[in-house]
Amino acid sequence: MKTAPPLFLLPEEVEELTGFKSAGRQCRWLHEGGWRFVISGSGRPVVARKYAEKMLGCGDDEGQQHPPRPNFGALLRAV
């Protein structure tokens, strides 16, 4: 049976993402990069996994609406 990945990035993943061990430096890196995160009770940044995947360009487009595209073929046939 396949288990779902954790909802949030693990502390090691945040460290790998930011390149910093210090929570303060991690928070600064995330803030300066425009990332959304919260600070846990232990003072460490918490980043949602799906958000991180989206920010890195590898998340799915689930829930994103793309603007409708005109049917140019139908428009040309109508002329």
C-alpha atoms as a PDB file:
ATOM      1  CA  MET A   1       0.000   0.000   0.000  1.00  0.00           C
ATOM      2  CA  LYS A   2       1.313   3.428  -0.978  1.00  0.00           C
ATOM      3  CA  THR A   3       1.458   6.034   1.788  1.00  0.00           C
ATOM      4  CA  ALA A   4       0.849   9.701   1.123  1.00  0.00           C
ATOM      5  CA  PRO A   5       3.811  12.047   1.506  1.00  0.00           C
ATOM      6  CA  PRO A   6       3.797  14.307   4.576  1.00  0.00           C
ATOM      7  CA  LEU A   7       1.649  17.432   4.325  1.00  0.00           C
ATOM      8  CA  PHE A   8       4.631  19.658   5.143  1.00  0.00           C
ATOM      9  CA  LEU A   9       8.257  19.606   4.061  1.00  0.00           C
ATOM     10  CA  LEU A  10      10.457  17.812   6.581  1.00  0.00           C
ATOM     11  CA  PRO A  11      13.041  19.970   8.389  1.00  0.00           C
ATOM     12  CA  GLU A  12      15.780  18.312   6.313  1.00  0.00           C
ATOM     13  CA  GLU A  13      13.909  19.249   3.133  1.00  0.00           C
ATOM     14  CA  VAL A  14      13.593  22.893   4.188  1.00  0.00           C
ATOM     15  CA  GLU A  15      17.327  22.856   4.911  1.00  0.00           C
ATOM     16  CA  GLU A  16      18.063  21.391   1.479  1.00  0.00           C
ATOM     17  CA  LEU A  17      15.701  23.846  -0.222  1.00  0.00           C
ATOM     18  CA  THR A  18      17.155  26.944   1.434  1.00  0.00           C
ATOM     19  CA  GLY A  19      20.732  25.816   1.874  1.00  0.00           C
ATOM     20  CA  PHE A  20      20.683  26.911   5.520  1.00  0.00           C
ATOM     21  CA  LYS A  21      20.567  25.022   8.832  1.00  0.00           C
ATOM     22  CA  SER A  22      19.576  28.022  10.941  1.00  0.00           C
ATOM     23  CA  ALA A  23      15.819  28.608  11.201  1.00  0.00           C
ATOM     24  CA  GLY A  24      16.371  32.360  11.034  1.00  0.00           C
ATOM     25  CA  ARG A  25      18.339  32.098   7.793  1.00  0.00           C
ATOM     26  CA  GLN A  26      15.760  29.669   6.365  1.00  0.00           C
ATOM     27  CA  CYS A  27      12.966  32.129   7.142  1.00  0.00           C
ATOM     28  CA  ARG A  28      14.895  34.987   5.563  1.00  0.00           C
ATOM     29  CA  TRP A  29      15.572  32.946   2.408  1.00  0.00           C
ATOM     30  CA  LEU A  30      11.908  31.940   2.123  1.00  0.00           C
ATOM     31  CA  HIS A  31      10.683  35.496   2.762  1.00  0.00           C
ATOM     32  CA  GLU A  32      13.078  37.052   0.253  1.00  0.00           C
ATOM     33  CA  GLY A  33      12.058  34.471  -2.352  1.00  0.00           C
ATOM     34  CA  GLY A  34       8.367  35.257  -1.910  1.00  0.00           C
ATOM     35  CA  TRP A  35       7.524  31.853  -0.406  1.00  0.00           C
ATOM     36  CA  ARG A  36       4.523  31.397   1.880  1.00  0.00           C
ATOM     37  CA  PHE A  37       5.319  29.752   5.183  1.00  0.00           C
ATOM     38  CA  VAL A  38       4.410  29.844   8.846  1.00  0.00           C
ATOM     39  CA  ILE A  39       6.660  29.634  11.846  1.00  0.00           C
ATOM     40  CA  SER A  40       6.001  26.694  14.139  1.00  0.00           C
ATOM     41  CA  GLY A  41       5.994  26.861  17.926  1.00  0.00           C
ATOM     42  CA  SER A  42       9.603  25.690  17.846  1.00  0.00           C
ATOM     43  CA  GLY A  43      10.548  28.691  15.685  1.00  0.00           C
ATOM     44  CA  ARG A  44      11.153  26.702  12.497  1.00  0.00           C
ATOM     45  CA  PRO A  45       9.592  27.557   9.117  1.00  0.00           C
ATOM     46  CA  VAL A  46       6.816  25.260   7.921  1.00  0.00           C
ATOM     47  CA  VAL A  47       6.158  24.955   4.174  1.00  0.00           C
ATOM     48  CA  ALA A  48       3.297  22.982   2.632  1.00  0.00           C
ATOM     49  CA  ARG A  49       4.589  20.248   0.318  1.00  0.00           C
ATOM     50  CA  LYS A  50       2.127  20.989  -2.510  1.00  0.00           C
ATOM     51  CA  TYR A  51       3.018  24.673  -2.340  1.00  0.00           C
ATOM     52  CA  ALA A  52       6.722  23.860  -2.577  1.00  0.00           C
ATOM     53  CA  GLU A  53       6.073  21.613  -5.583  1.00  0.00           C
ATOM     54  CA  LYS A  54       4.104  24.410  -7.247  1.00  0.00           C
ATOM     55  CA  MET A  55       6.819  26.977  -6.541  1.00  0.00           C
ATOM     56  CA  LEU A  56       9.432  24.643  -8.006  1.00  0.00           C
ATOM     57  CA  GLY A  57       7.352  24.080 -11.138  1.00  0.00           C
ATOM     58  CA  CYS A  58       6.670  20.408 -10.572  1.00  0.00           C
ATOM     59  CA  GLY A  59       3.212  20.461  -8.976  1.00  0.00           C
ATOM     60  CA  ASP A  60       0.039  19.567 -10.792  1.00  0.00           C
ATOM     61  CA  ASP A  61      -2.380  22.162 -12.113  1.00  0.00           C
ATOM     62  CA  GLU A  62      -5.228  20.743 -10.058  1.00  0.00           C
ATOM     63  CA  GLY A  63      -7.745  23.419  -9.254  1.00  0.00           C
ATOM     64  CA  GLN A  64      -6.179  26.008 -11.519  1.00  0.00           C
ATOM     65  CA  GLN A  65      -8.514  27.459 -14.082  1.00  0.00           C
ATOM     66  CA  HIS A  66      -7.098  28.377 -17.459  1.00  0.00           C
ATOM     67  CA  PRO A  67      -8.887  31.079 -19.430  1.00  0.00           C
ATOM     68  CA  PRO A  68     -11.052  29.709 -22.232  1.00  0.00           C
ATOM     69  CA  ARG A  69      -9.474  29.857 -25.674  1.00  0.00           C
ATOM     70  CA  PRO A  70     -11.512  31.042 -28.650  1.00  0.00           C
ATOM     71  CA  ASN A  71     -12.382  28.515 -31.325  1.00  0.00           C
ATOM     72  CA  PHE A  72     -10.761  30.304 -34.244  1.00  0.00           C
ATOM     73  CA  GLY A  73     -11.786  27.524 -36.653  1.00  0.00           C
ATOM     74  CA  ALA A  74     -15.463  28.182 -35.957  1.00  0.00           C
ATOM     75  CA  LEU A  75     -14.961  31.914 -36.355  1.00  0.00           C
ATOM     76  CA  LEU A  76     -13.259  31.472 -39.733  1.00  0.00           C
ATOM     77  CA  ARG A  77     -16.002  29.136 -41.001  1.00  0.00           C
ATOM     78  CA  ALA A  78     -18.649  31.711 -40.053  1.00  0.00           C
ATOM     79  CA  VAL A  79     -17.185  34.311 -42.425  1.00  0.00           C
END
